Amino acid sequence: MHALEGRLPVCICMMAAAIVACVPTGNTGDETTKALEFVVTWFPRAKSPETRAEIPLAMTCSTEVLPSRRTFFALTSGTTFAAVFESLVLGASAGVKGETMFEVFGSSGVSSPLFKGCSKLIMERKFKDTGSQIATMYKDLGITMNLAKETGAAMFATAAAYELFRSGISLFPDEDNWSIVKLLEQIAGAEVKW
């Protein structure tokens, strides 16, 4: 049973855990204050005195109780990868040039170093030895899904990303994350290219 189960709303507990993963455990003072301010700013329900009192507890829990920062990275990057891969394949299947998609997405609100880096590698057809192996992301998404099961958190997008990576690793076990786009290309009958 998760040590904080039933004590904080899941979203606040997860955010506190993410913050804990970014600072050494057991810290109080400035780190706890900054984390508390962040959580209160982004989660209005955290403004109640009862919830505020629980956040420092979450901030000082041992790493045995709370997940690592890698869990939250996998959740965010895995679902982002899936969205990027699907967007690029949809564009390619609709006849949009890769260069156009790169310029449009790259100058929009969804632009990020992750988008720019992985889309370039996809369009250059570099799927191996780029430093981001599919096996690692698949493992980390699995850890994330296990944590979600333990805590009762619903992870719809992460579950879909996990299944996409499961399919990708079965086809391209020695390749990098972007190789999943080849699976989607096979289904769509299109290829993402410049």
C-alpha atoms as a PDB file:
ATOM      1  CA  MET A   1       0.000   0.000   0.000  1.00  0.00           C
ATOM      2  CA  HIS A   2       1.304   3.444  -0.923  1.00  0.00           C
ATOM      3  CA  ALA A   3       2.240   5.401   2.212  1.00  0.00           C
ATOM      4  CA  LEU A   4       0.293   8.502   1.167  1.00  0.00           C
ATOM      5  CA  GLU A   5      -2.773   6.677  -0.138  1.00  0.00           C
ATOM      6  CA  GLY A   6      -5.934   8.481   0.849  1.00  0.00           C
ATOM      7  CA  ARG A   7      -4.057  11.418   2.344  1.00  0.00           C
ATOM      8  CA  LEU A   8      -3.666  13.626  -0.731  1.00  0.00           C
ATOM      9  CA  PRO A   9      -5.503  13.878  -3.998  1.00  0.00           C
ATOM     10  CA  VAL A  10      -3.589  11.717  -6.501  1.00  0.00           C
ATOM     11  CA  CYS A  11      -2.532  14.622  -8.719  1.00  0.00           C
ATOM     12  CA  ILE A  12      -1.038  16.521  -5.800  1.00  0.00           C
ATOM     13  CA  CYS A  13       0.696  13.431  -4.457  1.00  0.00           C
ATOM     14  CA  MET A  14       2.187  12.723  -7.902  1.00  0.00           C
ATOM     15  CA  MET A  15       3.331  16.334  -8.281  1.00  0.00           C
ATOM     16  CA  ALA A  16       4.876  16.307  -4.824  1.00  0.00           C
ATOM     17  CA  ALA A  17       6.608  13.039  -5.693  1.00  0.00           C
ATOM     18  CA  ALA A  18       7.928  14.543  -8.909  1.00  0.00           C
ATOM     19  CA  ILE A  19       9.313  17.480  -6.986  1.00  0.00           C
ATOM     20  CA  VAL A  20      10.853  15.177  -4.387  1.00  0.00           C
ATOM     21  CA  ALA A  21      12.630  13.322  -7.160  1.00  0.00           C
ATOM     22  CA  CYS A  22      14.244  16.582  -8.258  1.00  0.00           C
ATOM     23  CA  VAL A  23      15.631  17.561  -4.838  1.00  0.00           C
ATOM     24  CA  PRO A  24      17.501  15.464  -2.245  1.00  0.00           C
ATOM     25  CA  THR A  25      15.154  13.641   0.118  1.00  0.00           C
ATOM     26  CA  GLY A  26      14.729  14.928   3.593  1.00  0.00           C
ATOM     27  CA  ASN A  27      15.157  18.570   2.585  1.00  0.00           C
ATOM     28  CA  THR A  28      13.077  21.153   4.341  1.00  0.00           C
ATOM     29  CA  GLY A  29      13.199  24.919   4.305  1.00  0.00           C
ATOM     30  CA  ASP A  30      13.646  26.586   0.916  1.00  0.00           C
ATOM     31  CA  GLU A  31      13.103  23.438  -1.173  1.00  0.00           C
ATOM     32  CA  THR A  32       9.882  22.559   0.634  1.00  0.00           C
ATOM     33  CA  THR A  33       8.641  26.154   0.446  1.00  0.00           C
ATOM     34  CA  LYS A  34       9.319  26.345  -3.297  1.00  0.00           C
ATOM     35  CA  ALA A  35       7.600  23.023  -3.889  1.00  0.00           C
ATOM     36  CA  LEU A  36       4.626  24.042  -1.765  1.00  0.00           C
ATOM     37  CA  GLU A  37       4.291  27.329  -3.685  1.00  0.00           C
ATOM     38  CA  PHE A  38       4.479  25.445  -6.986  1.00  0.00           C
ATOM     39  CA  VAL A  39       1.825  22.906  -6.016  1.00  0.00           C
ATOM     40  CA  VAL A  40      -0.494  25.575  -4.568  1.00  0.00           C
ATOM     41  CA  THR A  41      -0.125  27.690  -7.723  1.00  0.00           C
ATOM     42  CA  TRP A  42      -0.934  24.851 -10.110  1.00  0.00           C
ATOM     43  CA  PHE A  43      -3.446  22.904  -8.042  1.00  0.00           C
ATOM     44  CA  PRO A  44      -6.198  25.095  -6.539  1.00  0.00           C
ATOM     45  CA  ARG A  45      -7.386  22.255  -4.258  1.00  0.00           C
ATOM     46  CA  ALA A  46      -3.989  22.497  -2.528  1.00  0.00           C
ATOM     47  CA  LYS A  47      -5.034  25.810  -0.989  1.00  0.00           C
ATOM     48  CA  SER A  48      -6.915  24.157   1.861  1.00  0.00           C
ATOM     49  CA  PRO A  49      -5.015  24.168   5.179  1.00  0.00           C
ATOM     50  CA  GLU A  50      -5.409  20.372   5.484  1.00  0.00           C
ATOM     51  CA  THR A  51      -3.786  19.716   2.113  1.00  0.00           C
ATOM     52  CA  ARG A  52      -1.046  22.291   2.714  1.00  0.00           C
ATOM     53  CA  ALA A  53      -0.136  20.487   5.932  1.00  0.00           C
ATOM     54  CA  GLU A  54       0.327  17.214   4.025  1.00  0.00           C
ATOM     55  CA  ILE A  55       2.692  18.528   1.328  1.00  0.00           C
ATOM     56  CA  PRO A  56       5.788  18.861   3.561  1.00  0.00           C
ATOM     57  CA  LEU A  57       5.164  15.241   4.617  1.00  0.00           C
ATOM     58  CA  ALA A  58       5.217  14.208   0.962  1.00  0.00           C
ATOM     59  CA  MET A  59       8.368  16.268   0.469  1.00  0.00           C
ATOM     60  CA  THR A  60      10.283  14.408   3.178  1.00  0.00           C
ATOM     61  CA  CYS A  61       9.214  10.836   2.444  1.00  0.00           C
ATOM     62  CA  SER A  62      11.957   8.354   1.645  1.00  0.00           C
ATOM     63  CA  THR A  63      12.677   7.380  -1.946  1.00  0.00           C
ATOM     64  CA  GLU A  64      11.426   3.874  -1.088  1.00  0.00           C
ATOM     65  CA  VAL A  65       7.915   5.303  -0.825  1.00  0.00           C
ATOM     66  CA  LEU A  66       7.920   7.724  -3.727  1.00  0.00           C
ATOM     67  CA  PRO A  67       8.873   6.933  -7.336  1.00  0.00           C
ATOM     68  CA  SER A  68      11.963   8.259  -9.033  1.00  0.00           C
ATOM     69  CA  ARG A  69      12.091  11.206 -11.384  1.00  0.00           C
ATOM     70  CA  ARG A  70      12.626   8.662 -14.175  1.00  0.00           C
ATOM     71  CA  THR A  71       9.028   7.481 -13.725  1.00  0.00           C
ATOM     72  CA  PHE A  72       7.696  10.955 -14.427  1.00  0.00           C
ATOM     73  CA  PHE A  73      10.109  11.489 -17.297  1.00  0.00           C
ATOM     74  CA  ALA A  74       8.892   8.266 -18.913  1.00  0.00           C
ATOM     75  CA  LEU A  75       5.265   9.307 -18.491  1.00  0.00           C
ATOM     76  CA  THR A  76       5.835  12.707 -20.087  1.00  0.00           C
ATOM     77  CA  SER A  77       8.304  11.776 -22.806  1.00  0.00           C
ATOM     78  CA  GLY A  78       6.644   8.472 -23.721  1.00  0.00           C
ATOM     79  CA  THR A  79       3.264  10.076 -24.312  1.00  0.00           C
ATOM     80  CA  THR A  80       4.897  12.999 -26.132  1.00  0.00           C
ATOM     81  CA  PHE A  81       6.819  10.621 -28.399  1.00  0.00           C
ATOM     82  CA  ALA A  82       3.586   8.801 -29.259  1.00  0.00           C
ATOM     83  CA  ALA A  83       1.855  12.081 -30.156  1.00  0.00           C
ATOM     84  CA  VAL A  84       4.798  13.222 -32.293  1.00  0.00           C
ATOM     85  CA  PHE A  85       5.006   9.877 -34.102  1.00  0.00           C
ATOM     86  CA  GLU A  86       1.281   9.804 -34.816  1.00  0.00           C
ATOM     87  CA  SER A  87       1.200  13.443 -35.949  1.00  0.00           C
ATOM     88  CA  LEU A  88       4.075  12.952 -38.375  1.00  0.00           C
ATOM     89  CA  VAL A  89       2.583   9.769 -39.841  1.00  0.00           C
ATOM     90  CA  LEU A  90      -0.850  11.379 -40.193  1.00  0.00           C
ATOM     91  CA  GLY A  91       0.726  14.313 -42.024  1.00  0.00           C
ATOM     92  CA  ALA A  92       2.739  12.011 -44.281  1.00  0.00           C
ATOM     93  CA  SER A  93      -0.327   9.904 -45.078  1.00  0.00           C
ATOM     94  CA  ALA A  94      -2.182  13.121 -46.006  1.00  0.00           C
ATOM     95  CA  GLY A  95       0.661  14.099 -48.363  1.00  0.00           C
ATOM     96  CA  VAL A  96       2.205  16.844 -46.218  1.00  0.00           C
ATOM     97  CA  LYS A  97       5.962  17.182 -46.703  1.00  0.00           C
ATOM     98  CA  GLY A  98       8.141  16.519 -43.678  1.00  0.00           C
ATOM     99  CA  GLU A  99       9.786  19.918 -44.015  1.00  0.00           C
ATOM    100  CA  THR A 100       6.389  21.614 -43.795  1.00  0.00           C
ATOM    101  CA  MET A 101       5.391  19.625 -40.715  1.00  0.00           C
ATOM    102  CA  PHE A 102       8.734  20.380 -39.074  1.00  0.00           C
ATOM    103  CA  GLU A 103       8.327  24.126 -39.710  1.00  0.00           C
ATOM    104  CA  VAL A 104       4.676  24.267 -38.596  1.00  0.00           C
ATOM    105  CA  PHE A 105       5.049  22.142 -35.452  1.00  0.00           C
ATOM    106  CA  GLY A 106       8.473  23.637 -34.717  1.00  0.00           C
ATOM    107  CA  SER A 107       7.082  27.170 -34.622  1.00  0.00           C
ATOM    108  CA  SER A 108       3.886  26.357 -32.712  1.00  0.00           C
ATOM    109  CA  GLY A 109       3.056  25.967 -29.052  1.00  0.00           C
ATOM    110  CA  VAL A 110       3.908  22.241 -29.185  1.00  0.00           C
ATOM    111  CA  SER A 111       7.472  22.900 -30.289  1.00  0.00           C
ATOM    112  CA  SER A 112      10.158  21.508 -28.001  1.00  0.00           C
ATOM    113  CA  PRO A 113      13.697  20.153 -28.169  1.00  0.00           C
ATOM    114  CA  LEU A 114      12.145  16.668 -27.922  1.00  0.00           C
ATOM    115  CA  PHE A 115       9.956  17.297 -30.969  1.00  0.00           C
ATOM    116  CA  LYS A 116      12.730  18.864 -33.012  1.00  0.00           C
ATOM    117  CA  GLY A 117      15.287  16.206 -32.108  1.00  0.00           C
ATOM    118  CA  CYS A 118      13.183  13.124 -32.715  1.00  0.00           C
ATOM    119  CA  SER A 119      11.439  14.429 -35.834  1.00  0.00           C
ATOM    120  CA  LYS A 120      14.810  15.221 -37.457  1.00  0.00           C
ATOM    121  CA  LEU A 121      16.052  11.714 -36.693  1.00  0.00           C
ATOM    122  CA  ILE A 122      12.843  10.213 -38.104  1.00  0.00           C
ATOM    123  CA  MET A 123      13.019  12.254 -41.300  1.00  0.00           C
ATOM    124  CA  GLU A 124      16.702  11.407 -41.692  1.00  0.00           C
ATOM    125  CA  ARG A 125      15.726   7.732 -41.129  1.00  0.00           C
ATOM    126  CA  LYS A 126      18.159   7.298 -38.218  1.00  0.00           C
ATOM    127  CA  PHE A 127      16.638   4.640 -35.993  1.00  0.00           C
ATOM    128  CA  LYS A 128      19.645   3.036 -34.332  1.00  0.00           C
ATOM    129  CA  ASP A 129      22.493   4.158 -32.070  1.00  0.00           C
ATOM    130  CA  THR A 130      21.153   7.681 -31.514  1.00  0.00           C
ATOM    131  CA  GLY A 131      21.260   7.388 -27.728  1.00  0.00           C
ATOM    132  CA  SER A 132      17.615   6.726 -26.865  1.00  0.00           C
ATOM    133  CA  GLN A 133      16.984   2.991 -26.996  1.00  0.00           C
ATOM    134  CA  ILE A 134      13.416   1.732 -27.162  1.00  0.00           C
ATOM    135  CA  ALA A 135      14.090  -0.917 -24.483  1.00  0.00           C
ATOM    136  CA  THR A 136      14.782   1.757 -21.861  1.00  0.00           C
ATOM    137  CA  MET A 137      11.607   3.721 -22.577  1.00  0.00           C
ATOM    138  CA  TYR A 138       9.540   0.522 -22.635  1.00  0.00           C
ATOM    139  CA  LYS A 139      10.947  -0.500 -19.223  1.00  0.00           C
ATOM    140  CA  ASP A 140      10.349   2.961 -17.732  1.00  0.00           C
ATOM    141  CA  LEU A 141       6.794   3.138 -19.067  1.00  0.00           C
ATOM    142  CA  GLY A 142       6.210  -0.281 -17.496  1.00  0.00           C
ATOM    143  CA  ILE A 143       7.397   1.053 -14.131  1.00  0.00           C
ATOM    144  CA  THR A 144       5.074   4.033 -14.556  1.00  0.00           C
ATOM    145  CA  MET A 145       2.111   1.780 -15.327  1.00  0.00           C
ATOM    146  CA  ASN A 146       2.892  -0.374 -12.266  1.00  0.00           C
ATOM    147  CA  LEU A 147       2.960   2.747 -10.072  1.00  0.00           C
ATOM    148  CA  ALA A 148      -0.358   3.862 -11.547  1.00  0.00           C
ATOM    149  CA  LYS A 149      -1.866   0.470 -10.742  1.00  0.00           C
ATOM    150  CA  GLU A 150      -0.544   0.613  -7.169  1.00  0.00           C
ATOM    151  CA  THR A 151      -1.857   4.145  -6.561  1.00  0.00           C
ATOM    152  CA  GLY A 152      -5.105   3.834  -8.493  1.00  0.00           C
ATOM    153  CA  ALA A 153      -4.200   6.683 -10.862  1.00  0.00           C
ATOM    154  CA  ALA A 154      -5.794   6.558 -14.312  1.00  0.00           C
ATOM    155  CA  MET A 155      -3.173   6.767 -17.073  1.00  0.00           C
ATOM    156  CA  PHE A 156      -5.059   6.660 -20.371  1.00  0.00           C
ATOM    157  CA  ALA A 157      -2.432   8.311 -22.591  1.00  0.00           C
ATOM    158  CA  THR A 158       0.453   6.560 -20.847  1.00  0.00           C
ATOM    159  CA  ALA A 159      -1.253   3.175 -21.290  1.00  0.00           C
ATOM    160  CA  ALA A 160      -1.616   3.840 -25.008  1.00  0.00           C
ATOM    161  CA  ALA A 161       2.046   4.909 -25.245  1.00  0.00           C
ATOM    162  CA  TYR A 162       3.086   1.785 -23.323  1.00  0.00           C
ATOM    163  CA  GLU A 163       1.202  -0.442 -25.777  1.00  0.00           C
ATOM    164  CA  LEU A 164       2.729   1.401 -28.719  1.00  0.00           C
ATOM    165  CA  PHE A 165       6.212   0.887 -27.270  1.00  0.00           C
ATOM    166  CA  ARG A 166       5.377  -2.780 -26.569  1.00  0.00           C
ATOM    167  CA  SER A 167       4.544  -3.246 -30.241  1.00  0.00           C
ATOM    168  CA  GLY A 168       7.614  -1.286 -31.293  1.00  0.00           C
ATOM    169  CA  ILE A 169      10.023  -3.276 -29.157  1.00  0.00           C
ATOM    170  CA  SER A 170       8.667  -6.559 -30.531  1.00  0.00           C
ATOM    171  CA  LEU A 171       9.473  -5.390 -34.065  1.00  0.00           C
ATOM    172  CA  PHE A 172      12.609  -3.316 -33.445  1.00  0.00           C
ATOM    173  CA  PRO A 173      14.194  -4.583 -30.197  1.00  0.00           C
ATOM    174  CA  ASP A 174      17.670  -3.172 -30.876  1.00  0.00           C
ATOM    175  CA  GLU A 175      16.579   0.185 -32.208  1.00  0.00           C
ATOM    176  CA  ASP A 176      15.782   3.578 -30.706  1.00  0.00           C
ATOM    177  CA  ASN A 177      12.468   5.158 -29.695  1.00  0.00           C
ATOM    178  CA  TRP A 178      11.836   6.744 -33.099  1.00  0.00           C
ATOM    179  CA  SER A 179      11.705   3.308 -34.746  1.00  0.00           C
ATOM    180  CA  ILE A 180       8.083   3.114 -33.584  1.00  0.00           C
ATOM    181  CA  VAL A 181       7.234   5.512 -36.384  1.00  0.00           C
ATOM    182  CA  LYS A 182       8.056   2.681 -38.821  1.00  0.00           C
ATOM    183  CA  LEU A 183       5.277   0.586 -37.276  1.00  0.00           C
ATOM    184  CA  LEU A 184       2.798   3.444 -37.718  1.00  0.00           C
ATOM    185  CA  GLU A 185       4.062   4.021 -41.271  1.00  0.00           C
ATOM    186  CA  GLN A 186       3.428   0.360 -42.103  1.00  0.00           C
ATOM    187  CA  ILE A 187      -0.145   0.660 -40.877  1.00  0.00           C
ATOM    188  CA  ALA A 188      -0.752   3.942 -42.743  1.00  0.00           C
ATOM    189  CA  GLY A 189       1.135   2.988 -45.897  1.00  0.00           C
ATOM    190  CA  ALA A 190       3.125   6.223 -45.775  1.00  0.00           C
ATOM    191  CA  GLU A 191       6.673   7.301 -44.945  1.00  0.00           C
ATOM    192  CA  VAL A 192       7.748  10.358 -42.980  1.00  0.00           C
ATOM    193  CA  LYS A 193      10.533  12.110 -44.881  1.00  0.00           C
ATOM    194  CA  TRP A 194      11.817  15.550 -45.649  1.00  0.00           C
END
